[in-house]
Amino acid sequence: MVTLNFIKNDWVKEKNGSRIMKVDEYQIIESIIYADGNPALPIVKRSYNGRVWCTWVNENKTVVTQPFWESDLESVVPSSMQL
């Protein structure tokens, strides 16, 4: 079982980075296995591959979406949301 560190719309940044990003989704991949090695019985399994898609606005005011390894991110609270 996989324990996820973030949920959709969490604010994160790269470790030792300053760019604040919003989590969009976890990257799920589909892998095909064959029951008893029989190619006539394919089974499709979905699994999390360790990447998180994040979105931010760059210096040119362009929206950028990019995948990051979950282990390279840390949770933050944007300054506009701090008390």
PDB file of N, CA and C in Angstrom:
ATOM      1  N   MET A   1       0.836  -1.182   0.000  1.00  0.00           N
ATOM      2  CA  MET A   1       0.000   0.000   0.000  1.00  0.00           C
ATOM      3  C   MET A   1       0.879   1.244   0.000  1.00  0.00           C
ATOM      4  N   VAL A   2       0.516   2.220  -0.797  1.00  0.00           N
ATOM      5  CA  VAL A   2       1.279   3.455  -0.940  1.00  0.00           C
ATOM      6  C   VAL A   2       0.678   4.532  -0.050  1.00  0.00           C
ATOM      7  N   THR A   3       1.531   5.229   0.702  1.00  0.00           N
ATOM      8  CA  THR A   3       1.085   6.353   1.505  1.00  0.00           C
ATOM      9  C   THR A   3       1.442   7.631   0.751  1.00  0.00           C
ATOM     10  N   LEU A   4       0.438   8.413   0.389  1.00  0.00           N
ATOM     11  CA  LEU A   4       0.655   9.646  -0.358  1.00  0.00           C
ATOM     12  C   LEU A   4       0.884  10.809   0.601  1.00  0.00           C
ATOM     13  N   ASN A   5       1.835  11.667   0.282  1.00  0.00           N
ATOM     14  CA  ASN A   5       2.177  12.787   1.160  1.00  0.00           C
ATOM     15  C   ASN A   5       1.351  14.037   0.909  1.00  0.00           C
ATOM     16  N   PHE A   6       0.781  14.169  -0.275  1.00  0.00           N
ATOM     17  CA  PHE A   6       0.047  15.376  -0.644  1.00  0.00           C
ATOM     18  C   PHE A   6      -1.291  14.996  -1.254  1.00  0.00           C
ATOM     19  N   ILE A   7      -2.200  15.968  -1.287  1.00  0.00           N
ATOM     20  CA  ILE A   7      -3.464  15.780  -1.979  1.00  0.00           C
ATOM     21  C   ILE A   7      -3.618  16.908  -2.994  1.00  0.00           C
ATOM     22  N   LYS A   8      -4.591  16.757  -3.879  1.00  0.00           N
ATOM     23  CA  LYS A   8      -4.832  17.774  -4.909  1.00  0.00           C
ATOM     24  C   LYS A   8      -5.025  19.137  -4.254  1.00  0.00           C
ATOM     25  N   ASN A   9      -4.427  20.150  -4.847  1.00  0.00           N
ATOM     26  CA  ASN A   9      -4.480  21.555  -4.417  1.00  0.00           C
ATOM     27  C   ASN A   9      -3.617  21.871  -3.194  1.00  0.00           C
ATOM     28  N   ASP A  10      -2.787  20.936  -2.737  1.00  0.00           N
ATOM     29  CA  ASP A  10      -1.814  21.260  -1.696  1.00  0.00           C
ATOM     30  C   ASP A  10      -0.755  22.185  -2.287  1.00  0.00           C
ATOM     31  N   TRP A  11      -0.197  23.066  -1.459  1.00  0.00           N
ATOM     32  CA  TRP A  11       0.894  23.936  -1.883  1.00  0.00           C
ATOM     33  C   TRP A  11       2.199  23.257  -1.528  1.00  0.00           C
ATOM     34  N   VAL A  12       3.122  23.189  -2.488  1.00  0.00           N
ATOM     35  CA  VAL A  12       4.404  22.528  -2.282  1.00  0.00           C
ATOM     36  C   VAL A  12       5.511  23.342  -2.928  1.00  0.00           C
ATOM     37  N   LYS A  13       6.747  22.985  -2.602  1.00  0.00           N
ATOM     38  CA  LYS A  13       7.906  23.539  -3.289  1.00  0.00           C
ATOM     39  C   LYS A  13       8.963  22.453  -3.329  1.00  0.00           C
ATOM     40  N   GLU A  14       9.917  22.606  -4.251  1.00  0.00           N
ATOM     41  CA  GLU A  14      11.032  21.668  -4.296  1.00  0.00           C
ATOM     42  C   GLU A  14      11.885  21.882  -3.055  1.00  0.00           C
ATOM     43  N   LYS A  15      12.460  20.811  -2.526  1.00  0.00           N
ATOM     44  CA  LYS A  15      13.352  20.947  -1.380  1.00  0.00           C
ATOM     45  C   LYS A  15      14.492  21.877  -1.770  1.00  0.00           C
ATOM     46  N   ASN A  16      14.811  22.819  -0.914  1.00  0.00           N
ATOM     47  CA  ASN A  16      15.838  23.840  -1.143  1.00  0.00           C
ATOM     48  C   ASN A  16      15.491  24.764  -2.304  1.00  0.00           C
ATOM     49  N   GLY A  17      14.224  24.835  -2.691  1.00  0.00           N
ATOM     50  CA  GLY A  17      13.794  25.728  -3.762  1.00  0.00           C
ATOM     51  C   GLY A  17      12.899  26.821  -3.215  1.00  0.00           C
ATOM     52  N   SER A  18      12.507  27.749  -4.074  1.00  0.00           N
ATOM     53  CA  SER A  18      11.655  28.852  -3.620  1.00  0.00           C
ATOM     54  C   SER A  18      10.347  28.948  -4.402  1.00  0.00           C
ATOM     55  N   ARG A  19      10.250  28.243  -5.540  1.00  0.00           N
ATOM     56  CA  ARG A  19       9.054  28.308  -6.383  1.00  0.00           C
ATOM     57  C   ARG A  19       7.907  27.548  -5.704  1.00  0.00           C
ATOM     58  N   ILE A  20       6.789  28.237  -5.451  1.00  0.00           N
ATOM     59  CA  ILE A  20       5.619  27.609  -4.837  1.00  0.00           C
ATOM     60  C   ILE A  20       4.703  27.106  -5.949  1.00  0.00           C
ATOM     61  N   MET A  21       4.270  25.834  -5.799  1.00  0.00           N
ATOM     62  CA  MET A  21       3.463  25.186  -6.823  1.00  0.00           C
ATOM     63  C   MET A  21       2.245  24.545  -6.172  1.00  0.00           C
ATOM     64  N   LYS A  22       1.276  24.229  -6.984  1.00  0.00           N
ATOM     65  CA  LYS A  22       0.059  23.575  -6.520  1.00  0.00           C
ATOM     66  C   LYS A  22       0.020  22.155  -7.086  1.00  0.00           C
ATOM     67  N   VAL A  23      -0.298  21.184  -6.241  1.00  0.00           N
ATOM     68  CA  VAL A  23      -0.376  19.787  -6.680  1.00  0.00           C
ATOM     69  C   VAL A  23      -1.630  19.596  -7.526  1.00  0.00           C
ATOM     70  N   ASP A  24      -1.456  19.015  -8.716  1.00  0.00           N
ATOM     71  CA  ASP A  24      -2.583  18.722  -9.594  1.00  0.00           C
ATOM     72  C   ASP A  24      -3.039  17.277  -9.440  1.00  0.00           C
ATOM     73  N   GLU A  25      -2.116  16.350  -9.607  1.00  0.00           N
ATOM     74  CA  GLU A  25      -2.492  14.945  -9.518  1.00  0.00           C
ATOM     75  C   GLU A  25      -1.259  14.069  -9.401  1.00  0.00           C
ATOM     76  N   TYR A  26      -1.498  12.838  -8.980  1.00  0.00           N
ATOM     77  CA  TYR A  26      -0.440  11.840  -8.939  1.00  0.00           C
ATOM     78  C   TYR A  26      -0.383  11.131 -10.279  1.00  0.00           C
ATOM     79  N   GLN A  27       0.808  10.789 -10.722  1.00  0.00           N
ATOM     80  CA  GLN A  27       0.958  10.105 -12.004  1.00  0.00           C
ATOM     81  C   GLN A  27       0.739   8.609 -11.804  1.00  0.00           C
ATOM     82  N   ILE A  28      -0.249   8.085 -12.496  1.00  0.00           N
ATOM     83  CA  ILE A  28      -0.601   6.673 -12.434  1.00  0.00           C
ATOM     84  C   ILE A  28      -0.220   6.031 -13.762  1.00  0.00           C
ATOM     85  N   ILE A  29       0.415   4.870 -13.685  1.00  0.00           N
ATOM     86  CA  ILE A  29       0.762   4.149 -14.902  1.00  0.00           C
ATOM     87  C   ILE A  29      -0.011   2.839 -14.940  1.00  0.00           C
ATOM     88  N   GLU A  30      -0.208   2.337 -16.131  1.00  0.00           N
ATOM     89  CA  GLU A  30      -0.872   1.046 -16.301  1.00  0.00           C
ATOM     90  C   GLU A  30       0.162   0.032 -16.747  1.00  0.00           C
ATOM     91  N   SER A  31       0.196  -1.087 -16.055  1.00  0.00           N
ATOM     92  CA  SER A  31       1.091  -2.152 -16.459  1.00  0.00           C
ATOM     93  C   SER A  31       0.256  -3.388 -16.773  1.00  0.00           C
ATOM     94  N   ILE A  32       0.718  -4.146 -17.738  1.00  0.00           N
ATOM     95  CA  ILE A  32      -0.016  -5.330 -18.156  1.00  0.00           C
ATOM     96  C   ILE A  32       0.751  -6.561 -17.703  1.00  0.00           C
ATOM     97  N   ILE A  33       0.043  -7.435 -17.016  1.00  0.00           N
ATOM     98  CA  ILE A  33       0.609  -8.727 -16.647  1.00  0.00           C
ATOM     99  C   ILE A  33      -0.296  -9.798 -17.230  1.00  0.00           C
ATOM    100  N   TYR A  34       0.228 -10.984 -17.348  1.00  0.00           N
ATOM    101  CA  TYR A  34      -0.540 -12.074 -17.941  1.00  0.00           C
ATOM    102  C   TYR A  34      -0.759 -13.168 -16.911  1.00  0.00           C
ATOM    103  N   ALA A  35      -2.020 -13.544 -16.713  1.00  0.00           N
ATOM    104  CA  ALA A  35      -2.359 -14.599 -15.755  1.00  0.00           C
ATOM    105  C   ALA A  35      -1.702 -15.901 -16.195  1.00  0.00           C
ATOM    106  N   ASP A  36      -0.951 -16.495 -15.325  1.00  0.00           N
ATOM    107  CA  ASP A  36      -0.267 -17.768 -15.586  1.00  0.00           C
ATOM    108  C   ASP A  36       0.619 -17.705 -16.824  1.00  0.00           C
ATOM    109  N   GLY A  37       1.090 -16.518 -17.185  1.00  0.00           N
ATOM    110  CA  GLY A  37       1.954 -16.373 -18.348  1.00  0.00           C
ATOM    111  C   GLY A  37       1.249 -16.532 -19.679  1.00  0.00           C
ATOM    112  N   ASN A  38      -0.068 -16.550 -19.663  1.00  0.00           N
ATOM    113  CA  ASN A  38      -0.858 -16.753 -20.877  1.00  0.00           C
ATOM    114  C   ASN A  38      -1.173 -15.397 -21.510  1.00  0.00           C
ATOM    115  N   PRO A  39      -0.659 -15.131 -22.719  1.00  0.00           N
ATOM    116  CA  PRO A  39      -0.910 -13.831 -23.353  1.00  0.00           C
ATOM    117  C   PRO A  39      -2.375 -13.607 -23.729  1.00  0.00           C
ATOM    118  N   ALA A  40      -3.193 -14.636 -23.655  1.00  0.00           N
ATOM    119  CA  ALA A  40      -4.617 -14.485 -23.959  1.00  0.00           C
ATOM    120  C   ALA A  40      -5.393 -13.947 -22.756  1.00  0.00           C
ATOM    121  N   LEU A  41      -4.746 -13.898 -21.579  1.00  0.00           N
ATOM    122  CA  LEU A  41      -5.421 -13.425 -20.362  1.00  0.00           C
ATOM    123  C   LEU A  41      -4.692 -12.216 -19.761  1.00  0.00           C
ATOM    124  N   PRO A  42      -4.696 -11.078 -20.463  1.00  0.00           N
ATOM    125  CA  PRO A  42      -4.003  -9.906 -19.917  1.00  0.00           C
ATOM    126  C   PRO A  42      -4.786  -9.288 -18.759  1.00  0.00           C
ATOM    127  N   ILE A  43      -4.039  -8.812 -17.777  1.00  0.00           N
ATOM    128  CA  ILE A  43      -4.618  -8.101 -16.637  1.00  0.00           C
ATOM    129  C   ILE A  43      -3.933  -6.737 -16.571  1.00  0.00           C
ATOM    130  N   VAL A  44      -4.719  -5.673 -16.581  1.00  0.00           N
ATOM    131  CA  VAL A  44      -4.179  -4.323 -16.516  1.00  0.00           C
ATOM    132  C   VAL A  44      -4.254  -3.850 -15.068  1.00  0.00           C
ATOM    133  N   LYS A  45      -3.105  -3.468 -14.533  1.00  0.00           N
ATOM    134  CA  LYS A  45      -3.048  -2.952 -13.168  1.00  0.00           C
ATOM    135  C   LYS A  45      -2.597  -1.505 -13.213  1.00  0.00           C
ATOM    136  N   ARG A  46      -3.223  -0.694 -12.394  1.00  0.00           N
ATOM    137  CA  ARG A  46      -2.841   0.718 -12.283  1.00  0.00           C
ATOM    138  C   ARG A  46      -2.025   0.880 -11.008  1.00  0.00           C
ATOM    139  N   SER A  47      -0.933   1.627 -11.104  1.00  0.00           N
ATOM    140  CA  SER A  47      -0.105   1.843  -9.930  1.00  0.00           C
ATOM    141  C   SER A  47       0.531   3.228  -9.973  1.00  0.00           C
ATOM    142  N   TYR A  48       0.843   3.738  -8.802  1.00  0.00           N
ATOM    143  CA  TYR A  48       1.485   5.046  -8.656  1.00  0.00           C
ATOM    144  C   TYR A  48       2.981   4.879  -8.906  1.00  0.00           C
ATOM    145  N   ASN A  49       3.560   5.763  -9.724  1.00  0.00           N
ATOM    146  CA  ASN A  49       4.968   5.612 -10.069  1.00  0.00           C
ATOM    147  C   ASN A  49       5.904   6.553  -9.310  1.00  0.00           C
ATOM    148  N   GLY A  50       5.396   7.318  -8.347  1.00  0.00           N
ATOM    149  CA  GLY A  50       6.255   8.178  -7.537  1.00  0.00           C
ATOM    150  C   GLY A  50       6.335   9.623  -7.977  1.00  0.00           C
ATOM    151  N   ARG A  51       5.612   9.983  -9.036  1.00  0.00           N
ATOM    152  CA  ARG A  51       5.660  11.358  -9.528  1.00  0.00           C
ATOM    153  C   ARG A  51       4.365  12.103  -9.236  1.00  0.00           C
ATOM    154  N   VAL A  52       4.505  13.407  -9.011  1.00  0.00           N
ATOM    155  CA  VAL A  52       3.386  14.295  -8.739  1.00  0.00           C
ATOM    156  C   VAL A  52       3.421  15.411  -9.778  1.00  0.00           C
ATOM    157  N   TRP A  53       2.288  15.696 -10.410  1.00  0.00           N
ATOM    158  CA  TRP A  53       2.203  16.796 -11.379  1.00  0.00           C
ATOM    159  C   TRP A  53       1.852  18.068 -10.624  1.00  0.00           C
ATOM    160  N   CYS A  54       2.650  19.108 -10.818  1.00  0.00           N
ATOM    161  CA  CYS A  54       2.446  20.391 -10.137  1.00  0.00           C
ATOM    162  C   CYS A  54       2.318  21.510 -11.168  1.00  0.00           C
ATOM    163  N   THR A  55       1.580  22.560 -10.790  1.00  0.00           N
ATOM    164  CA  THR A  55       1.358  23.703 -11.670  1.00  0.00           C
ATOM    165  C   THR A  55       1.781  24.984 -10.958  1.00  0.00           C
ATOM    166  N   TRP A  56       2.382  25.910 -11.727  1.00  0.00           N
ATOM    167  CA  TRP A  56       2.741  27.224 -11.222  1.00  0.00           C
ATOM    168  C   TRP A  56       2.754  28.198 -12.384  1.00  0.00           C
ATOM    169  N   VAL A  57       2.860  29.482 -12.078  1.00  0.00           N
ATOM    170  CA  VAL A  57       2.943  30.528 -13.101  1.00  0.00           C
ATOM    171  C   VAL A  57       4.385  31.017 -13.113  1.00  0.00           C
ATOM    172  N   ASN A  58       5.026  30.957 -14.296  1.00  0.00           N
ATOM    173  CA  ASN A  58       6.429  31.372 -14.372  1.00  0.00           C
ATOM    174  C   ASN A  58       6.553  32.891 -14.532  1.00  0.00           C
ATOM    175  N   GLU A  59       7.794  33.349 -14.688  1.00  0.00           N
ATOM    176  CA  GLU A  59       8.053  34.799 -14.758  1.00  0.00           C
ATOM    177  C   GLU A  59       7.449  35.452 -15.994  1.00  0.00           C
ATOM    178  N   ASN A  60       7.104  34.682 -17.020  1.00  0.00           N
ATOM    179  CA  ASN A  60       6.464  35.209 -18.230  1.00  0.00           C
ATOM    180  C   ASN A  60       4.943  35.139 -18.151  1.00  0.00           C
ATOM    181  N   LYS A  61       4.416  34.879 -16.974  1.00  0.00           N
ATOM    182  CA  LYS A  61       2.967  34.778 -16.737  1.00  0.00           C
ATOM    183  C   LYS A  61       2.338  33.610 -17.512  1.00  0.00           C
ATOM    184  N   THR A  62       3.123  32.553 -17.711  1.00  0.00           N
ATOM    185  CA  THR A  62       2.655  31.362 -18.399  1.00  0.00           C
ATOM    186  C   THR A  62       2.422  30.259 -17.373  1.00  0.00           C
ATOM    187  N   VAL A  63       1.315  29.554 -17.498  1.00  0.00           N
ATOM    188  CA  VAL A  63       1.025  28.442 -16.597  1.00  0.00           C
ATOM    189  C   VAL A  63       1.844  27.231 -17.040  1.00  0.00           C
ATOM    190  N   VAL A  64       2.586  26.665 -16.113  1.00  0.00           N
ATOM    191  CA  VAL A  64       3.454  25.520 -16.395  1.00  0.00           C
ATOM    192  C   VAL A  64       3.005  24.347 -15.533  1.00  0.00           C
ATOM    193  N   THR A  65       2.912  23.177 -16.136  1.00  0.00           N
ATOM    194  CA  THR A  65       2.606  21.953 -15.406  1.00  0.00           C
ATOM    195  C   THR A  65       3.726  20.962 -15.682  1.00  0.00           C
ATOM    196  N   GLN A  66       4.284  20.401 -14.611  1.00  0.00           N
ATOM    197  CA  GLN A  66       5.448  19.539 -14.756  1.00  0.00           C
ATOM    198  C   GLN A  66       5.424  18.463 -13.675  1.00  0.00           C
ATOM    199  N   PRO A  67       5.924  17.250 -13.982  1.00  0.00           N
ATOM    200  CA  PRO A  67       5.988  16.214 -12.952  1.00  0.00           C
ATOM    201  C   PRO A  67       7.254  16.349 -12.103  1.00  0.00           C
ATOM    202  N   PHE A  68       7.135  16.025 -10.824  1.00  0.00           N
ATOM    203  CA  PHE A  68       8.257  16.015  -9.888  1.00  0.00           C
ATOM    204  C   PHE A  68       8.190  14.723  -9.094  1.00  0.00           C
ATOM    205  N   TRP A  69       9.328  14.227  -8.665  1.00  0.00           N
ATOM    206  CA  TRP A  69       9.321  13.088  -7.760  1.00  0.00           C
ATOM    207  C   TRP A  69       8.748  13.562  -6.430  1.00  0.00           C
ATOM    208  N   GLU A  70       7.847  12.798  -5.861  1.00  0.00           N
ATOM    209  CA  GLU A  70       7.218  13.188  -4.600  1.00  0.00           C
ATOM    210  C   GLU A  70       8.260  13.405  -3.507  1.00  0.00           C
ATOM    211  N   SER A  71       9.316  12.620  -3.512  1.00  0.00           N
ATOM    212  CA  SER A  71      10.355  12.741  -2.488  1.00  0.00           C
ATOM    213  C   SER A  71      11.155  14.039  -2.607  1.00  0.00           C
ATOM    214  N   ASP A  72      11.071  14.737  -3.757  1.00  0.00           N
ATOM    215  CA  ASP A  72      11.781  16.001  -3.957  1.00  0.00           C
ATOM    216  C   ASP A  72      10.953  17.219  -3.550  1.00  0.00           C
ATOM    217  N   LEU A  73       9.737  16.996  -3.046  1.00  0.00           N
ATOM    218  CA  LEU A  73       8.842  18.095  -2.696  1.00  0.00           C
ATOM    219  C   LEU A  73       8.629  18.177  -1.196  1.00  0.00           C
ATOM    220  N   GLU A  74       8.308  19.391  -0.732  1.00  0.00           N
ATOM    221  CA  GLU A  74       7.937  19.587   0.666  1.00  0.00           C
ATOM    222  C   GLU A  74       6.734  20.513   0.728  1.00  0.00           C
ATOM    223  N   SER A  75       5.919  20.326   1.744  1.00  0.00           N
ATOM    224  CA  SER A  75       4.709  21.108   1.914  1.00  0.00           C
ATOM    225  C   SER A  75       5.028  22.518   2.374  1.00  0.00           C
ATOM    226  N   VAL A  76       4.263  23.499   1.883  1.00  0.00           N
ATOM    227  CA  VAL A  76       4.446  24.903   2.299  1.00  0.00           C
ATOM    228  C   VAL A  76       3.075  25.552   2.449  1.00  0.00           C
ATOM    229  N   VAL A  77       3.073  26.681   3.151  1.00  0.00           N
ATOM    230  CA  VAL A  77       1.879  27.518   3.243  1.00  0.00           C
ATOM    231  C   VAL A  77       2.250  28.837   2.581  1.00  0.00           C
ATOM    232  N   PRO A  78       1.574  29.201   1.478  1.00  0.00           N
ATOM    233  CA  PRO A  78       1.910  30.470   0.807  1.00  0.00           C
ATOM    234  C   PRO A  78       1.775  31.657   1.757  1.00  0.00           C
ATOM    235  N   SER A  79       2.606  32.668   1.571  1.00  0.00           N
ATOM    236  CA  SER A  79       2.617  33.831   2.465  1.00  0.00           C
ATOM    237  C   SER A  79       1.261  34.523   2.542  1.00  0.00           C
ATOM    238  N   SER A  80       0.466  34.467   1.481  1.00  0.00           N
ATOM    239  CA  SER A  80      -0.847  35.101   1.502  1.00  0.00           C
ATOM    240  C   SER A  80      -1.832  34.329   2.383  1.00  0.00           C
ATOM    241  N   MET A  81      -1.486  33.093   2.755  1.00  0.00           N
ATOM    242  CA  MET A  81      -2.377  32.274   3.560  1.00  0.00           C
ATOM    243  C   MET A  81      -1.910  32.180   5.013  1.00  0.00           C
ATOM    244  N   GLN A  82      -0.715  32.675   5.325  1.00  0.00           N
ATOM    245  CA  GLN A  82      -0.201  32.592   6.683  1.00  0.00           C
ATOM    246  C   GLN A  82      -0.906  33.602   7.568  1.00  0.00           C
ATOM    247  N   LEU A  83      -1.064  33.242   8.821  1.00  0.00           N
ATOM    248  CA  LEU A  83      -1.717  34.144   9.780  1.00  0.00           C
ATOM    249  C   LEU A  83      -0.728  35.070  10.425  1.00  0.00           C
TER     250      LEU A  83
END
